[in-house]
Amino acid sequence: MRNIGVDIVFVQETNALNAYQMAEAVADFLDENLHRIPYGQACLHTHERNWNIEDELHYQFKIKERVRIPDTDPDILEVESYHGGLK
């Protein structure tokens, strides 16, 4: 299982009149749209999503996916052709 942490940072002008409201709107948009992330033919599900606003918006989440490790042992097609020995 792979556990990948992601932090999206939204930076804007600090003197904007409605900076906090704009950051909240961006956080709401990300909440609605980052439940699942398309990746090739599959979708990655996000977990532990949260956000906070200090000087900028930090939107954080984790992706927890199973990773398949390829088998390096050769497949046995015929027992007669296998010279690895039997245990």
PDB file of N, CA and C in Angstrom:
ATOM      1  N   MET A   1       0.857  -1.177   0.000  1.00  0.00           N
ATOM      2  CA  MET A   1       0.000   0.000   0.000  1.00  0.00           C
ATOM      3  C   MET A   1       0.895   1.230   0.000  1.00  0.00           C
ATOM      4  N   ARG A   2       0.667   2.108  -0.934  1.00  0.00           N
ATOM      5  CA  ARG A   2       1.398   3.377  -1.010  1.00  0.00           C
ATOM      6  C   ARG A   2       0.546   4.472  -0.400  1.00  0.00           C
ATOM      7  N   ASN A   3       1.176   5.352   0.359  1.00  0.00           N
ATOM      8  CA  ASN A   3       0.493   6.466   1.003  1.00  0.00           C
ATOM      9  C   ASN A   3       1.192   7.743   0.540  1.00  0.00           C
ATOM     10  N   ILE A   4       0.550   8.497  -0.352  1.00  0.00           N
ATOM     11  CA  ILE A   4       1.153   9.681  -0.952  1.00  0.00           C
ATOM     12  C   ILE A   4       0.447  10.915  -0.417  1.00  0.00           C
ATOM     13  N   GLY A   5       1.191  11.815   0.208  1.00  0.00           N
ATOM     14  CA  GLY A   5       0.632  13.065   0.714  1.00  0.00           C
ATOM     15  C   GLY A   5       0.751  14.166  -0.326  1.00  0.00           C
ATOM     16  N   VAL A   6      -0.309  14.944  -0.495  1.00  0.00           N
ATOM     17  CA  VAL A   6      -0.337  16.032  -1.475  1.00  0.00           C
ATOM     18  C   VAL A   6      -0.752  17.315  -0.765  1.00  0.00           C
ATOM     19  N   ASP A   7      -0.071  18.407  -1.075  1.00  0.00           N
ATOM     20  CA  ASP A   7      -0.401  19.725  -0.526  1.00  0.00           C
ATOM     21  C   ASP A   7      -0.506  20.698  -1.693  1.00  0.00           C
ATOM     22  N   ILE A   8      -1.707  21.171  -1.956  1.00  0.00           N
ATOM     23  CA  ILE A   8      -1.939  22.174  -3.003  1.00  0.00           C
ATOM     24  C   ILE A   8      -1.976  23.534  -2.320  1.00  0.00           C
ATOM     25  N   VAL A   9      -1.178  24.460  -2.815  1.00  0.00           N
ATOM     26  CA  VAL A   9      -1.099  25.788  -2.212  1.00  0.00           C
ATOM     27  C   VAL A   9      -1.680  26.804  -3.188  1.00  0.00           C
ATOM     28  N   PHE A  10      -2.661  27.586  -2.711  1.00  0.00           N
ATOM     29  CA  PHE A  10      -3.277  28.653  -3.501  1.00  0.00           C
ATOM     30  C   PHE A  10      -2.783  29.984  -2.940  1.00  0.00           C
ATOM     31  N   VAL A  11      -2.002  30.704  -3.752  1.00  0.00           N
ATOM     32  CA  VAL A  11      -1.418  31.977  -3.341  1.00  0.00           C
ATOM     33  C   VAL A  11      -2.081  33.083  -4.140  1.00  0.00           C
ATOM     34  N   GLN A  12      -2.415  34.165  -3.452  1.00  0.00           N
ATOM     35  CA  GLN A  12      -3.026  35.317  -4.115  1.00  0.00           C
ATOM     36  C   GLN A  12      -2.472  36.597  -3.504  1.00  0.00           C
ATOM     37  N   GLU A  13      -2.849  37.720  -4.054  1.00  0.00           N
ATOM     38  CA  GLU A  13      -2.387  38.996  -3.522  1.00  0.00           C
ATOM     39  C   GLU A  13      -2.852  39.156  -2.074  1.00  0.00           C
ATOM     40  N   THR A  14      -1.953  39.611  -1.239  1.00  0.00           N
ATOM     41  CA  THR A  14      -2.306  39.749   0.174  1.00  0.00           C
ATOM     42  C   THR A  14      -3.189  40.964   0.432  1.00  0.00           C
ATOM     43  N   ASN A  15      -3.217  41.924  -0.458  1.00  0.00           N
ATOM     44  CA  ASN A  15      -3.999  43.140  -0.241  1.00  0.00           C
ATOM     45  C   ASN A  15      -5.399  43.072  -0.857  1.00  0.00           C
ATOM     46  N   ALA A  16      -5.778  41.919  -1.392  1.00  0.00           N
ATOM     47  CA  ALA A  16      -7.108  41.804  -2.000  1.00  0.00           C
ATOM     48  C   ALA A  16      -8.184  41.979  -0.928  1.00  0.00           C
ATOM     49  N   LEU A  17      -9.252  42.673  -1.288  1.00  0.00           N
ATOM     50  CA  LEU A  17     -10.314  42.970  -0.329  1.00  0.00           C
ATOM     51  C   LEU A  17     -11.027  41.715   0.165  1.00  0.00           C
ATOM     52  N   ASN A  18     -11.281  40.790  -0.724  1.00  0.00           N
ATOM     53  CA  ASN A  18     -12.027  39.586  -0.356  1.00  0.00           C
ATOM     54  C   ASN A  18     -11.133  38.342  -0.443  1.00  0.00           C
ATOM     55  N   ALA A  19      -9.895  38.450  -0.010  1.00  0.00           N
ATOM     56  CA  ALA A  19      -8.923  37.353  -0.143  1.00  0.00           C
ATOM     57  C   ALA A  19      -9.383  36.102   0.607  1.00  0.00           C
ATOM     58  N   TYR A  20      -9.881  36.259   1.829  1.00  0.00           N
ATOM     59  CA  TYR A  20     -10.301  35.100   2.616  1.00  0.00           C
ATOM     60  C   TYR A  20     -11.506  34.411   1.966  1.00  0.00           C
ATOM     61  N   GLN A  21     -12.475  35.196   1.497  1.00  0.00           N
ATOM     62  CA  GLN A  21     -13.656  34.609   0.859  1.00  0.00           C
ATOM     63  C   GLN A  21     -13.271  33.888  -0.437  1.00  0.00           C
ATOM     64  N   MET A  22     -12.306  34.454  -1.181  1.00  0.00           N
ATOM     65  CA  MET A  22     -11.868  33.810  -2.416  1.00  0.00           C
ATOM     66  C   MET A  22     -11.152  32.492  -2.098  1.00  0.00           C
ATOM     67  N   ALA A  23     -10.337  32.477  -1.054  1.00  0.00           N
ATOM     68  CA  ALA A  23      -9.650  31.248  -0.670  1.00  0.00           C
ATOM     69  C   ALA A  23     -10.649  30.187  -0.204  1.00  0.00           C
ATOM     70  N   GLU A  24     -11.684  30.603   0.520  1.00  0.00           N
ATOM     71  CA  GLU A  24     -12.733  29.651   0.920  1.00  0.00           C
ATOM     72  C   GLU A  24     -13.465  29.089  -0.289  1.00  0.00           C
ATOM     73  N   ALA A  25     -13.721  29.928  -1.282  1.00  0.00           N
ATOM     74  CA  ALA A  25     -14.398  29.466  -2.496  1.00  0.00           C
ATOM     75  C   ALA A  25     -13.529  28.448  -3.237  1.00  0.00           C
ATOM     76  N   VAL A  26     -12.226  28.689  -3.293  1.00  0.00           N
ATOM     77  CA  VAL A  26     -11.308  27.739  -3.936  1.00  0.00           C
ATOM     78  C   VAL A  26     -11.289  26.427  -3.155  1.00  0.00           C
ATOM     79  N   ALA A  27     -11.255  26.497  -1.823  1.00  0.00           N
ATOM     80  CA  ALA A  27     -11.272  25.290  -0.995  1.00  0.00           C
ATOM     81  C   ALA A  27     -12.557  24.496  -1.208  1.00  0.00           C
ATOM     82  N   ASP A  28     -13.687  25.175  -1.290  1.00  0.00           N
ATOM     83  CA  ASP A  28     -14.960  24.491  -1.557  1.00  0.00           C
ATOM     84  C   ASP A  28     -14.938  23.815  -2.923  1.00  0.00           C
ATOM     85  N   PHE A  29     -14.396  24.508  -3.923  1.00  0.00           N
ATOM     86  CA  PHE A  29     -14.290  23.938  -5.265  1.00  0.00           C
ATOM     87  C   PHE A  29     -13.423  22.676  -5.247  1.00  0.00           C
ATOM     88  N   LEU A  30     -12.284  22.748  -4.561  1.00  0.00           N
ATOM     89  CA  LEU A  30     -11.400  21.585  -4.478  1.00  0.00           C
ATOM     90  C   LEU A  30     -12.074  20.440  -3.732  1.00  0.00           C
ATOM     91  N   ASP A  31     -12.828  20.760  -2.680  1.00  0.00           N
ATOM     92  CA  ASP A  31     -13.563  19.725  -1.942  1.00  0.00           C
ATOM     93  C   ASP A  31     -14.555  18.995  -2.843  1.00  0.00           C
ATOM     94  N   GLU A  32     -15.241  19.737  -3.686  1.00  0.00           N
ATOM     95  CA  GLU A  32     -16.240  19.135  -4.563  1.00  0.00           C
ATOM     96  C   GLU A  32     -15.615  18.325  -5.689  1.00  0.00           C
ATOM     97  N   ASN A  33     -14.407  18.710  -6.128  1.00  0.00           N
ATOM     98  CA  ASN A  33     -13.838  18.109  -7.329  1.00  0.00           C
ATOM     99  C   ASN A  33     -12.666  17.163  -7.100  1.00  0.00           C
ATOM    100  N   LEU A  34     -12.159  17.075  -5.903  1.00  0.00           N
ATOM    101  CA  LEU A  34     -11.006  16.206  -5.668  1.00  0.00           C
ATOM    102  C   LEU A  34     -11.330  14.975  -4.833  1.00  0.00           C
ATOM    103  N   HIS A  35     -12.588  14.577  -4.817  1.00  0.00           N
ATOM    104  CA  HIS A  35     -12.938  13.327  -4.136  1.00  0.00           C
ATOM    105  C   HIS A  35     -12.293  12.155  -4.870  1.00  0.00           C
ATOM    106  N   ARG A  36     -12.343  12.211  -6.202  1.00  0.00           N
ATOM    107  CA  ARG A  36     -11.692  11.221  -7.073  1.00  0.00           C
ATOM    108  C   ARG A  36     -10.921  11.986  -8.143  1.00  0.00           C
ATOM    109  N   ILE A  37      -9.730  11.472  -8.466  1.00  0.00           N
ATOM    110  CA  ILE A  37      -8.875  12.099  -9.471  1.00  0.00           C
ATOM    111  C   ILE A  37      -8.703  11.111 -10.617  1.00  0.00           C
ATOM    112  N   PRO A  38      -9.101  11.488 -11.848  1.00  0.00           N
ATOM    113  CA  PRO A  38      -8.892  10.585 -12.986  1.00  0.00           C
ATOM    114  C   PRO A  38      -7.396  10.368 -13.235  1.00  0.00           C
ATOM    115  N   TYR A  39      -7.029   9.110 -13.452  1.00  0.00           N
ATOM    116  CA  TYR A  39      -5.633   8.773 -13.717  1.00  0.00           C
ATOM    117  C   TYR A  39      -5.621   7.645 -14.739  1.00  0.00           C
ATOM    118  N   GLY A  40      -5.383   7.984 -15.985  1.00  0.00           N
ATOM    119  CA  GLY A  40      -5.423   6.983 -17.054  1.00  0.00           C
ATOM    120  C   GLY A  40      -6.823   6.410 -17.171  1.00  0.00           C
ATOM    121  N   GLN A  41      -6.930   5.100 -17.100  1.00  0.00           N
ATOM    122  CA  GLN A  41      -8.226   4.420 -17.172  1.00  0.00           C
ATOM    123  C   GLN A  41      -8.878   4.278 -15.803  1.00  0.00           C
ATOM    124  N   ALA A  42      -8.182   4.685 -14.749  1.00  0.00           N
ATOM    125  CA  ALA A  42      -8.672   4.484 -13.378  1.00  0.00           C
ATOM    126  C   ALA A  42      -8.951   5.820 -12.698  1.00  0.00           C
ATOM    127  N   CYS A  43      -9.478   5.747 -11.495  1.00  0.00           N
ATOM    128  CA  CYS A  43      -9.685   6.924 -10.641  1.00  0.00           C
ATOM    129  C   CYS A  43      -8.984   6.681  -9.313  1.00  0.00           C
ATOM    130  N   LEU A  44      -8.246   7.694  -8.864  1.00  0.00           N
ATOM    131  CA  LEU A  44      -7.603   7.629  -7.559  1.00  0.00           C
ATOM    132  C   LEU A  44      -8.520   8.282  -6.550  1.00  0.00           C
ATOM    133  N   HIS A  45      -8.758   7.620  -5.442  1.00  0.00           N
ATOM    134  CA  HIS A  45      -9.600   8.166  -4.380  1.00  0.00           C
ATOM    135  C   HIS A  45      -8.715   8.902  -3.383  1.00  0.00           C
ATOM    136  N   THR A  46      -9.185  10.067  -2.943  1.00  0.00           N
ATOM    137  CA  THR A  46      -8.425  10.847  -1.968  1.00  0.00           C
ATOM    138  C   THR A  46      -8.974  10.583  -0.563  1.00  0.00           C
ATOM    139  N   HIS A  47      -8.096  10.702   0.419  1.00  0.00           N
ATOM    140  CA  HIS A  47      -8.448  10.437   1.817  1.00  0.00           C
ATOM    141  C   HIS A  47      -7.904  11.567   2.683  1.00  0.00           C
ATOM    142  N   GLU A  48      -8.495  11.715   3.838  1.00  0.00           N
ATOM    143  CA  GLU A  48      -8.034  12.683   4.843  1.00  0.00           C
ATOM    144  C   GLU A  48      -7.864  14.081   4.247  1.00  0.00           C
ATOM    145  N   ARG A  49      -8.875  14.534   3.526  1.00  0.00           N
ATOM    146  CA  ARG A  49      -8.820  15.864   2.913  1.00  0.00           C
ATOM    147  C   ARG A  49      -9.085  16.927   3.976  1.00  0.00           C
ATOM    148  N   ASN A  50      -8.251  17.951   3.991  1.00  0.00           N
ATOM    149  CA  ASN A  50      -8.475  19.087   4.883  1.00  0.00           C
ATOM    150  C   ASN A  50      -7.789  20.315   4.300  1.00  0.00           C
ATOM    151  N   TRP A  51      -8.186  21.466   4.778  1.00  0.00           N
ATOM    152  CA  TRP A  51      -7.581  22.704   4.310  1.00  0.00           C
ATOM    153  C   TRP A  51      -7.536  23.716   5.439  1.00  0.00           C
ATOM    154  N   ASN A  52      -6.591  24.649   5.309  1.00  0.00           N
ATOM    155  CA  ASN A  52      -6.510  25.760   6.247  1.00  0.00           C
ATOM    156  C   ASN A  52      -6.007  26.994   5.509  1.00  0.00           C
ATOM    157  N   ILE A  53      -6.360  28.135   6.036  1.00  0.00           N
ATOM    158  CA  ILE A  53      -5.973  29.404   5.429  1.00  0.00           C
ATOM    159  C   ILE A  53      -5.179  30.196   6.461  1.00  0.00           C
ATOM    160  N   GLU A  54      -3.926  30.445   6.148  1.00  0.00           N
ATOM    161  CA  GLU A  54      -3.112  31.354   6.953  1.00  0.00           C
ATOM    162  C   GLU A  54      -2.811  32.548   6.046  1.00  0.00           C
ATOM    163  N   ASP A  55      -1.619  32.616   5.493  1.00  0.00           N
ATOM    164  CA  ASP A  55      -1.348  33.636   4.480  1.00  0.00           C
ATOM    165  C   ASP A  55      -1.858  33.174   3.123  1.00  0.00           C
ATOM    166  N   GLU A  56      -1.870  31.857   2.909  1.00  0.00           N
ATOM    167  CA  GLU A  56      -2.385  31.262   1.682  1.00  0.00           C
ATOM    168  C   GLU A  56      -3.185  30.017   2.042  1.00  0.00           C
ATOM    169  N   LEU A  57      -3.903  29.515   1.074  1.00  0.00           N
ATOM    170  CA  LEU A  57      -4.710  28.312   1.273  1.00  0.00           C
ATOM    171  C   LEU A  57      -3.828  27.083   1.083  1.00  0.00           C
ATOM    172  N   HIS A  58      -3.858  26.183   2.043  1.00  0.00           N
ATOM    173  CA  HIS A  58      -3.202  24.875   1.932  1.00  0.00           C
ATOM    174  C   HIS A  58      -4.309  23.828   1.919  1.00  0.00           C
ATOM    175  N   TYR A  59      -4.424  23.126   0.800  1.00  0.00           N
ATOM    176  CA  TYR A  59      -5.404  22.044   0.660  1.00  0.00           C
ATOM    177  C   TYR A  59      -4.612  20.747   0.630  1.00  0.00           C
ATOM    178  N   GLN A  60      -4.805  19.909   1.641  1.00  0.00           N
ATOM    179  CA  GLN A  60      -4.008  18.697   1.779  1.00  0.00           C
ATOM    180  C   GLN A  60      -4.896  17.451   1.725  1.00  0.00           C
ATOM    181  N   PHE A  61      -4.356  16.411   1.127  1.00  0.00           N
ATOM    182  CA  PHE A  61      -5.046  15.123   1.107  1.00  0.00           C
ATOM    183  C   PHE A  61      -4.024  14.024   0.897  1.00  0.00           C
ATOM    184  N   LYS A  62      -4.479  12.783   1.064  1.00  0.00           N
ATOM    185  CA  LYS A  62      -3.628  11.622   0.856  1.00  0.00           C
ATOM    186  C   LYS A  62      -4.254  10.719  -0.191  1.00  0.00           C
ATOM    187  N   ILE A  63      -3.387  10.072  -0.924  1.00  0.00           N
ATOM    188  CA  ILE A  63      -3.800   9.043  -1.876  1.00  0.00           C
ATOM    189  C   ILE A  63      -3.238   7.735  -1.343  1.00  0.00           C
ATOM    190  N   LYS A  64      -4.119   6.777  -1.087  1.00  0.00           N
ATOM    191  CA  LYS A  64      -3.708   5.468  -0.581  1.00  0.00           C
ATOM    192  C   LYS A  64      -4.068   4.438  -1.642  1.00  0.00           C
ATOM    193  N   GLU A  65      -3.060   3.934  -2.320  1.00  0.00           N
ATOM    194  CA  GLU A  65      -3.296   2.982  -3.400  1.00  0.00           C
ATOM    195  C   GLU A  65      -2.443   1.741  -3.222  1.00  0.00           C
ATOM    196  N   ARG A  66      -3.008   0.645  -3.634  1.00  0.00           N
ATOM    197  CA  ARG A  66      -2.262  -0.610  -3.637  1.00  0.00           C
ATOM    198  C   ARG A  66      -1.383  -0.624  -4.889  1.00  0.00           C
ATOM    199  N   VAL A  67      -0.173  -1.095  -4.699  1.00  0.00           N
ATOM    200  CA  VAL A  67       0.777  -1.174  -5.803  1.00  0.00           C
ATOM    201  C   VAL A  67       1.131  -2.632  -6.007  1.00  0.00           C
ATOM    202  N   ARG A  68       1.056  -3.082  -7.231  1.00  0.00           N
ATOM    203  CA  ARG A  68       1.394  -4.464  -7.535  1.00  0.00           C
ATOM    204  C   ARG A  68       2.849  -4.528  -7.955  1.00  0.00           C
ATOM    205  N   ILE A  69       3.601  -5.380  -7.282  1.00  0.00           N
ATOM    206  CA  ILE A  69       5.008  -5.584  -7.615  1.00  0.00           C
ATOM    207  C   ILE A  69       5.084  -6.745  -8.586  1.00  0.00           C
ATOM    208  N   PRO A  70       5.689  -6.529  -9.743  1.00  0.00           N
ATOM    209  CA  PRO A  70       5.727  -7.610 -10.730  1.00  0.00           C
ATOM    210  C   PRO A  70       6.554  -8.801 -10.237  1.00  0.00           C
ATOM    211  N   ASP A  71       6.083  -9.982 -10.576  1.00  0.00           N
ATOM    212  CA  ASP A  71       6.751 -11.223 -10.204  1.00  0.00           C
ATOM    213  C   ASP A  71       7.920 -11.445 -11.153  1.00  0.00           C
ATOM    214  N   THR A  72       9.126 -11.581 -10.611  1.00  0.00           N
ATOM    215  CA  THR A  72      10.302 -11.775 -11.459  1.00  0.00           C
ATOM    216  C   THR A  72      10.619 -13.248 -11.700  1.00  0.00           C
ATOM    217  N   ASP A  73       9.947 -14.157 -10.988  1.00  0.00           N
ATOM    218  CA  ASP A  73      10.173 -15.583 -11.216  1.00  0.00           C
ATOM    219  C   ASP A  73       9.520 -15.984 -12.532  1.00  0.00           C
ATOM    220  N   PRO A  74      10.237 -16.759 -13.341  1.00  0.00           N
ATOM    221  CA  PRO A  74       9.650 -17.173 -14.620  1.00  0.00           C
ATOM    222  C   PRO A  74       8.512 -18.172 -14.406  1.00  0.00           C
ATOM    223  N   ASP A  75       7.521 -18.065 -15.246  1.00  0.00           N
ATOM    224  CA  ASP A  75       6.429 -19.035 -15.200  1.00  0.00           C
ATOM    225  C   ASP A  75       6.930 -20.370 -15.752  1.00  0.00           C
ATOM    226  N   ILE A  76       6.479 -21.453 -15.157  1.00  0.00           N
ATOM    227  CA  ILE A  76       6.871 -22.784 -15.627  1.00  0.00           C
ATOM    228  C   ILE A  76       5.853 -23.222 -16.670  1.00  0.00           C
ATOM    229  N   LEU A  77       6.325 -23.361 -17.907  1.00  0.00           N
ATOM    230  CA  LEU A  77       5.437 -23.808 -18.964  1.00  0.00           C
ATOM    231  C   LEU A  77       5.345 -25.323 -19.002  1.00  0.00           C
ATOM    232  N   GLU A  78       6.478 -25.975 -18.837  1.00  0.00           N
ATOM    233  CA  GLU A  78       6.505 -27.434 -18.806  1.00  0.00           C
ATOM    234  C   GLU A  78       7.468 -27.864 -17.717  1.00  0.00           C
ATOM    235  N   VAL A  79       7.108 -28.853 -16.962  1.00  0.00           N
ATOM    236  CA  VAL A  79       7.968 -29.322 -15.876  1.00  0.00           C
ATOM    237  C   VAL A  79       9.300 -29.831 -16.428  1.00  0.00           C
ATOM    238  N   GLU A  80       9.290 -30.456 -17.582  1.00  0.00           N
ATOM    239  CA  GLU A  80      10.511 -30.999 -18.150  1.00  0.00           C
ATOM    240  C   GLU A  80      11.528 -29.900 -18.490  1.00  0.00           C
ATOM    241  N   SER A  81      11.070 -28.703 -18.802  1.00  0.00           N
ATOM    242  CA  SER A  81      11.982 -27.630 -19.182  1.00  0.00           C
ATOM    243  C   SER A  81      12.497 -26.839 -17.986  1.00  0.00           C
ATOM    244  N   TYR A  82      12.003 -27.128 -16.788  1.00  0.00           N
ATOM    245  CA  TYR A  82      12.405 -26.388 -15.585  1.00  0.00           C
ATOM    246  C   TYR A  82      13.639 -27.062 -14.980  1.00  0.00           C
ATOM    247  N   HIS A  83      14.743 -26.317 -14.883  1.00  0.00           N
ATOM    248  CA  HIS A  83      15.995 -26.873 -14.362  1.00  0.00           C
ATOM    249  C   HIS A  83      16.343 -26.252 -13.012  1.00  0.00           C
ATOM    250  N   GLY A  84      15.387 -25.671 -12.322  1.00  0.00           N
ATOM    251  CA  GLY A  84      15.660 -25.023 -11.050  1.00  0.00           C
ATOM    252  C   GLY A  84      15.677 -25.999  -9.893  1.00  0.00           C
ATOM    253  N   GLY A  85      15.220 -27.186 -10.082  1.00  0.00           N
ATOM    254  CA  GLY A  85      15.193 -28.168  -9.017  1.00  0.00           C
ATOM    255  C   GLY A  85      13.895 -28.085  -8.231  1.00  0.00           C
ATOM    256  N   LEU A  86      13.549 -29.168  -7.587  1.00  0.00           N
ATOM    257  CA  LEU A  86      12.348 -29.254  -6.786  1.00  0.00           C
ATOM    258  C   LEU A  86      12.740 -29.394  -5.329  1.00  0.00           C
ATOM    259  N   LYS A  87      11.959 -28.837  -4.437  1.00  0.00           N
ATOM    260  CA  LYS A  87      12.237 -28.936  -3.006  1.00  0.00           C
ATOM    261  C   LYS A  87      11.244 -29.850  -2.350  1.00  0.00           C
TER     262      LYS A  87
END
